[in-house]
Amino acid sequence: MAIPDYETLMLPLLKHISDGDTYSISELHRALADEFRLSESERTQLRPSGKGPLFRSRVHWARAYLLKAGLLKSEARGTVRITSRGKQVLEESLPSLSTRLLTDRFPEMREWRGSSRAKRGDASVAAVPIPLDPEEELDTSYERIRASIEDELLRAVKAMSPAFFERLVVQLLLRLGYGGTPDSGETLGRSGDGGIDGVIKEDKLGLDLVYIQAKRWEGSVGAPVVRAFAGALAAHRAKKGVLITSSTFTRDAYSDAERMNERIVLVDGQQLAAMMYDVGLGVTTKAVYEVRKIDTDFFTDED
């Protein structure tokens, strides 16, 4: 089944600790994962940012909201117990709990959510089909911004000359760590033959070379182009090549690349833009936000 959102987890979490005992966070993770019959892959699935398991993040925020609403209390690090208020809420036999319900009913929750949430209004939250916890909201916003920038990058690349595109491809491979020195790659331009547009050293010593073909096209690149590139590699007695386009490859192109004796990697326009974003090529940093968490080791009271 799908991984439940943090609001869906609130009521099951509260019910699980309804006996008044103290539970560790790790116990809650296991119990809730079992209750929702999550597979091992779902239990370990990472957040979009790659920073930690998604399910653990959602359990964390379900617990955080219940704590702030006064339905739980934490008497020791990493543990929770139900409060009298939490037991009263369970006695109401509500079908579910939500951030809006907790905010409407409990002043501690309204105060914690702060003025920024009040300015935005709950309508923005209600418009989201699946409730997102604050970290997921950050992840989602980042992905939207990144996708927009990658689209702009690709449009900018397509507007440049073929010669510029060839230079860009060599710079990209250098940024990715090939060669090891700024002069490890070069474009061949008009001097290139057989569809070879550039060459780059695979390591600092230049023990092996990677040959490049750069296709700044609008239409899809087909299998004939891949076969011609393989022939050019064979003529240079090369075993490795990278064929990069600003557009897309056909299915036959991918199939032919896999069958070639030479190792040919195909990189389409979307992959190209993503790589440029990752290595900072053609983009600048607008802002950096650091999200911190509690250092539990710091708060260990040991002499």
Foldseek 3Di string as FASTA:
>chain_A
DAQAALQQVQVVLLVVQVVFDKDFLVVSLVVVCVVVVPDPCQSFPAALVNPGHPNSVSPVQSVVLCVQLQQWDDPDPRMIGGDPVVNVVVVVVDPTGDLVVSCVPGVSSVVVVDDVDVVVDCVVQVVDPHGHDPVNVVSVVVVVVLVVQLVVVLVVLLVDDPLVQLVLVQVLVVLVPAQPDPPQKDACPPVDPLQFGIKGQRYVVSPAIETEHEAADADADEQVVLVSVLVSCVVVVHQHYEYEYSAHYDPRNVVNCVPRSGNYHYHYNSNVSVSCVVSVNPHDDDDDDDDDDDDVVVPDPDD
